[in-house]
C-alpha atoms as a PDB file:
ATOM      1  CA  MET A   1       4.461  15.145   1.007  1.00  0.00           C
ATOM      2  CA  VAL A   2       5.599  11.531   0.939  1.00  0.00           C
ATOM      3  CA  GLU A   3       3.958  11.025  -2.450  1.00  0.00           C
ATOM      4  CA  HIS A   4       5.990  13.956  -3.816  1.00  0.00           C
ATOM      5  CA  GLU A   5       9.245  12.504  -2.475  1.00  0.00           C
ATOM      6  CA  VAL A   6       8.443   9.054  -3.828  1.00  0.00           C
ATOM      7  CA  SER A   7       7.493  10.432  -7.234  1.00  0.00           C
ATOM      8  CA  SER A   8      10.688  12.523  -7.342  1.00  0.00           C
ATOM      9  CA  ASN A   9      12.668   9.392  -6.543  1.00  0.00           C
ATOM     10  CA  LEU A  10      10.913   7.459  -9.313  1.00  0.00           C
ATOM     11  CA  VAL A  11      11.392  10.239 -11.876  1.00  0.00           C
ATOM     12  CA  VAL A  12      15.120  10.344 -11.177  1.00  0.00           C
ATOM     13  CA  ALA A  13      15.363   6.545 -11.285  1.00  0.00           C
ATOM     14  CA  VAL A  14      13.564   6.412 -14.636  1.00  0.00           C
ATOM     15  CA  SER A  15      15.792   9.188 -15.998  1.00  0.00           C
ATOM     16  CA  VAL A  16      18.863   7.174 -15.006  1.00  0.00           C
ATOM     17  CA  LEU A  17      17.502   4.145 -16.872  1.00  0.00           C
ATOM     18  CA  VAL A  18      16.573   6.139 -19.968  1.00  0.00           C
ATOM     19  CA  ASN A  19      20.022   7.722 -20.141  1.00  0.00           C
ATOM     20  CA  ALA A  20      22.025   4.626 -19.214  1.00  0.00           C
ATOM     21  CA  LYS A  21      22.267   3.460 -22.821  1.00  0.00           C
ATOM     22  CA  VAL A  22      22.296   5.432 -26.071  1.00  0.00           C
ATOM     23  CA  GLN A  23      22.900   4.655 -29.699  1.00  0.00           C
ATOM     24  CA  GLU A  24      26.571   4.672 -30.670  1.00  0.00           C
ATOM     25  CA  GLY A  25      27.712   8.220 -31.444  1.00  0.00           C
ATOM     26  CA  ASP A  26      24.822   9.830 -29.497  1.00  0.00           C
ATOM     27  CA  LYS A  27      25.085  11.552 -26.142  1.00  0.00           C
ATOM     28  CA  PRO A  28      22.589  11.020 -23.312  1.00  0.00           C
ATOM     29  CA  ALA A  29      20.069  13.819 -22.747  1.00  0.00           C
ATOM     30  CA  GLU A  30      21.204  13.951 -19.120  1.00  0.00           C
ATOM     31  CA  THR A  31      24.462  12.838 -17.541  1.00  0.00           C
ATOM     32  CA  PRO A  32      23.886   9.456 -15.862  1.00  0.00           C
ATOM     33  CA  GLN A  33      26.492  10.170 -13.169  1.00  0.00           C
ATOM     34  CA  GLU A  34      24.661  13.370 -12.163  1.00  0.00           C
ATOM     35  CA  LEU A  35      21.347  11.529 -12.170  1.00  0.00           C
ATOM     36  CA  ILE A  36      22.790   8.787  -9.961  1.00  0.00           C
ATOM     37  CA  ALA A  37      24.015  11.442  -7.520  1.00  0.00           C
ATOM     38  CA  GLU A  38      20.562  13.072  -7.586  1.00  0.00           C
ATOM     39  CA  LEU A  39      18.946   9.691  -6.945  1.00  0.00           C
ATOM     40  CA  GLY A  40      21.123   9.346  -3.838  1.00  0.00           C
ATOM     41  CA  ARG A  41      20.131  12.818  -2.598  1.00  0.00           C
ATOM     42  CA  VAL A  42      16.418  12.278  -3.235  1.00  0.00           C
ATOM     43  CA  SER A  43      16.539   8.845  -1.571  1.00  0.00           C
ATOM     44  CA  THR A  44      18.207  10.350   1.513  1.00  0.00           C
ATOM     45  CA  GLU A  45      15.510  13.051   1.699  1.00  0.00           C
ATOM     46  CA  LEU A  46      12.813  10.399   1.414  1.00  0.00           C
ATOM     47  CA  LEU A  47      14.430   8.330   4.170  1.00  0.00           C
ATOM     48  CA  ASP A  48      14.572  11.372   6.463  1.00  0.00           C
ATOM     49  CA  LEU A  49      10.908  12.162   5.767  1.00  0.00           C
ATOM     50  CA  ILE A  50       9.825   8.585   6.479  1.00  0.00           C
ATOM     51  CA  LYS A  51      11.759   8.619   9.772  1.00  0.00           C
ATOM     52  CA  ARG A  52      10.055  11.888  10.774  1.00  0.00           C
ATOM     53  CA  ILE A  53       6.652  10.460   9.918  1.00  0.00           C
ATOM     54  CA  ASN A  54       7.371   7.312  11.955  1.00  0.00           C
ATOM     55  CA  ARG A  55       8.520   9.389  14.960  1.00  0.00           C
ATOM     56  CA  THR A  56       5.419  11.570  14.662  1.00  0.00           C
ATOM     57  CA  ASN A  57       3.108   8.565  14.386  1.00  0.00           C
ATOM     58  CA  SER A  58       4.697   6.958  17.440  1.00  0.00           C
ATOM     59  CA  ALA A  59       4.364  10.126  19.507  1.00  0.00           C
ATOM     60  CA  THR A  60       0.843  11.192  18.484  1.00  0.00           C
ATOM     61  CA  ALA A  61      -2.110   9.907  20.507  1.00  0.00           C
ATOM     62  CA  PHE A  62      -5.007   8.400  18.585  1.00  0.00           C
ATOM     63  CA  ALA A  63      -8.382   8.474  20.355  1.00  0.00           C
ATOM     64  CA  GLY A  64      -8.887   5.191  22.143  1.00  0.00           C
ATOM     65  CA  ARG A  65      -6.282   3.289  20.158  1.00  0.00           C
ATOM     66  CA  GLY A  66      -2.925   4.305  21.598  1.00  0.00           C
ATOM     67  CA  THR A  67      -0.883   6.108  18.951  1.00  0.00           C
ATOM     68  CA  ILE A  68      -1.238   6.675  15.225  1.00  0.00           C
ATOM     69  CA  SER A  69       1.281   3.851  14.786  1.00  0.00           C
ATOM     70  CA  ASP A  70      -1.045   1.551  16.724  1.00  0.00           C
ATOM     71  CA  ALA A  71      -3.997   2.629  14.577  1.00  0.00           C
ATOM     72  CA  LEU A  72      -1.971   1.996  11.419  1.00  0.00           C
ATOM     73  CA  ALA A  73      -1.122  -1.499  12.640  1.00  0.00           C
ATOM     74  CA  GLU A  74      -4.811  -2.118  13.319  1.00  0.00           C
ATOM     75  CA  ARG A  75      -5.683  -0.772   9.852  1.00  0.00           C
ATOM     76  CA  ASP A  76      -3.142  -3.117   8.253  1.00  0.00           C
ATOM     77  CA  GLU A  77      -4.599  -6.051  10.163  1.00  0.00           C
ATOM     78  CA  LEU A  78      -8.116  -5.113   9.003  1.00  0.00           C
ATOM     79  CA  ALA A  79      -6.866  -5.046   5.408  1.00  0.00           C
ATOM     80  CA  LEU A  80      -5.337  -8.518   5.765  1.00  0.00           C
ATOM     81  CA  GLN A  81      -8.496  -9.953   7.308  1.00  0.00           C
ATOM     82  CA  ARG A  82     -10.711  -8.322   4.681  1.00  0.00           C
ATOM     83  CA  ALA A  83      -8.571  -9.712   1.877  1.00  0.00           C
ATOM     84  CA  ALA A  84      -8.672 -13.203   3.391  1.00  0.00           C
ATOM     85  CA  TYR A  85     -12.457 -13.157   3.838  1.00  0.00           C
ATOM     86  CA  ALA A  86     -13.024 -11.734   0.339  1.00  0.00           C
ATOM     87  CA  GLU A  87     -10.761 -14.380  -1.190  1.00  0.00           C
ATOM     88  CA  LEU A  88     -12.517 -17.112   0.800  1.00  0.00           C
ATOM     89  CA  ALA A  89     -15.941 -15.912  -0.353  1.00  0.00           C
ATOM     90  CA  GLN A  90     -14.795 -15.677  -3.957  1.00  0.00           C
ATOM     91  CA  THR A  91     -13.202 -19.123  -3.916  1.00  0.00           C
ATOM     92  CA  ALA A  92     -16.212 -20.783  -2.300  1.00  0.00           C
ATOM     93  CA  ALA A  93     -18.679 -19.014  -4.607  1.00  0.00           C
ATOM     94  CA  ILE A  94     -17.045 -20.106  -7.850  1.00  0.00           C
ATOM     95  CA  SER A  95     -18.898 -23.016  -9.297  1.00  0.00           C
ATOM     96  CA  HIS A  96     -17.295 -25.165 -11.926  1.00  0.00           C
ATOM     97  CA  GLY A  97     -19.910 -26.439 -14.299  1.00  0.00           C
ATOM     98  CA  ARG A  98     -19.879 -30.096 -15.232  1.00  0.00           C
ATOM     99  CA  PHE A  99     -19.986 -31.097 -18.852  1.00  0.00           C
ATOM    100  CA  THR A 100     -20.403 -34.816 -18.251  1.00  0.00           C
ATOM    101  CA  ARG A 101     -21.690 -36.896 -15.356  1.00  0.00           C
ATOM    102  CA  SER A 102     -18.250 -38.348 -14.766  1.00  0.00           C
ATOM    103  CA  GLU A 103     -16.753 -34.976 -13.806  1.00  0.00           C
ATOM    104  CA  VAL A 104     -16.337 -34.175 -10.117  1.00  0.00           C
ATOM    105  CA  LYS A 105     -18.949 -31.883  -8.650  1.00  0.00           C
ATOM    106  CA  HIS A 106     -17.778 -29.250  -6.180  1.00  0.00           C
ATOM    107  CA  GLY A 107     -19.790 -27.641  -3.420  1.00  0.00           C
ATOM    108  CA  SER A 108     -19.128 -24.883  -0.925  1.00  0.00           C
ATOM    109  CA  THR A 109     -18.373 -25.883   2.667  1.00  0.00           C
ATOM    110  CA  ILE A 110     -19.089 -22.420   4.064  1.00  0.00           C
ATOM    111  CA  ASN A 111     -21.915 -19.909   4.026  1.00  0.00           C
ATOM    112  CA  VAL A 112     -20.651 -17.602   1.287  1.00  0.00           C
ATOM    113  CA  ALA A 113     -23.139 -14.834   2.123  1.00  0.00           C
ATOM    114  CA  GLU A 114     -21.970 -14.703   5.760  1.00  0.00           C
ATOM    115  CA  ILE A 115     -18.310 -14.673   4.750  1.00  0.00           C
ATOM    116  CA  GLN A 116     -18.936 -11.910   2.195  1.00  0.00           C
ATOM    117  CA  LYS A 117     -20.881  -9.929   4.800  1.00  0.00           C
ATOM    118  CA  ARG A 118     -17.896 -10.207   7.174  1.00  0.00           C
ATOM    119  CA  ALA A 119     -15.537  -9.070   4.390  1.00  0.00           C
ATOM    120  CA  ASP A 120     -17.798  -6.062   3.783  1.00  0.00           C
ATOM    121  CA  GLU A 121     -17.842  -5.216   7.516  1.00  0.00           C
ATOM    122  CA  LEU A 122     -14.058  -5.385   7.653  1.00  0.00           C
ATOM    123  CA  ALA A 123     -13.802  -3.155   4.578  1.00  0.00           C
ATOM    124  CA  LYS A 124     -16.116  -0.602   6.226  1.00  0.00           C
ATOM    125  CA  ASN A 125     -14.097  -0.712   9.457  1.00  0.00           C
ATOM    126  CA  TYR A 126     -10.915  -0.206   7.429  1.00  0.00           C
ATOM    127  CA  ARG A 127     -12.371   2.812   5.592  1.00  0.00           C
ATOM    128  CA  ASP A 128     -13.658   4.361   8.836  1.00  0.00           C
ATOM    129  CA  LEU A 129     -10.332   3.912  10.618  1.00  0.00           C
ATOM    130  CA  ASP A 130      -8.378   5.140   7.603  1.00  0.00           C
ATOM    131  CA  ALA A 131     -10.513   8.304   7.387  1.00  0.00           C
ATOM    132  CA  ARG A 132      -9.856   9.061  11.066  1.00  0.00           C
ATOM    133  CA  VAL A 133      -6.113   8.457  10.617  1.00  0.00           C
ATOM    134  CA  GLN A 134      -6.057  10.778   7.605  1.00  0.00           C
ATOM    135  CA  GLU A 135      -7.996  13.441   9.501  1.00  0.00           C
ATOM    136  CA  LEU A 136      -5.525  13.346  12.380  1.00  0.00           C
ATOM    137  CA  ASN A 137      -2.590  13.365   9.951  1.00  0.00           C
ATOM    138  CA  TRP A 138      -3.819  16.661   8.492  1.00  0.00           C
ATOM    139  CA  GLN A 139      -4.003  18.150  11.993  1.00  0.00           C
ATOM    140  CA  THR A 140      -0.589  16.936  13.147  1.00  0.00           C
ATOM    141  CA  GLU A 141       2.743  18.656  12.560  1.00  0.00           C
ATOM    142  CA  LEU A 142       5.746  16.463  11.774  1.00  0.00           C
ATOM    143  CA  VAL A 143       8.347  16.228  14.511  1.00  0.00           C
ATOM    144  CA  GLU A 144      11.930  16.997  13.617  1.00  0.00           C
END
């Protein structure tokens, strides 16, 4: 539902851009003023939908984690941690070859395998939590 509203918003926005400028003597395929008005309407509908989703998420219990909003916050935090651990593992694992003896040699200060294993665990936890959130979303009616 949200994806549809967002894509409608983007389609209208792109149409406004495409029709904002034409070659001298030509007319736009669509009236920019009407498209701008439509963009306002679609944006308002999207805002209302997002507010309903936020109210629903705040009011819907999520097994052992408070509300859906709480679970979403936890999911976001897992994503941030996973990204940090993955970046750390990637940075520490990159070896810069030396071409001469005078070049500086770099070495890892962490156990890359352990850090990558932690990143993988966090990714799994994220996927598991996300699947449960999605399952509950399908079972939950939006509040008005």
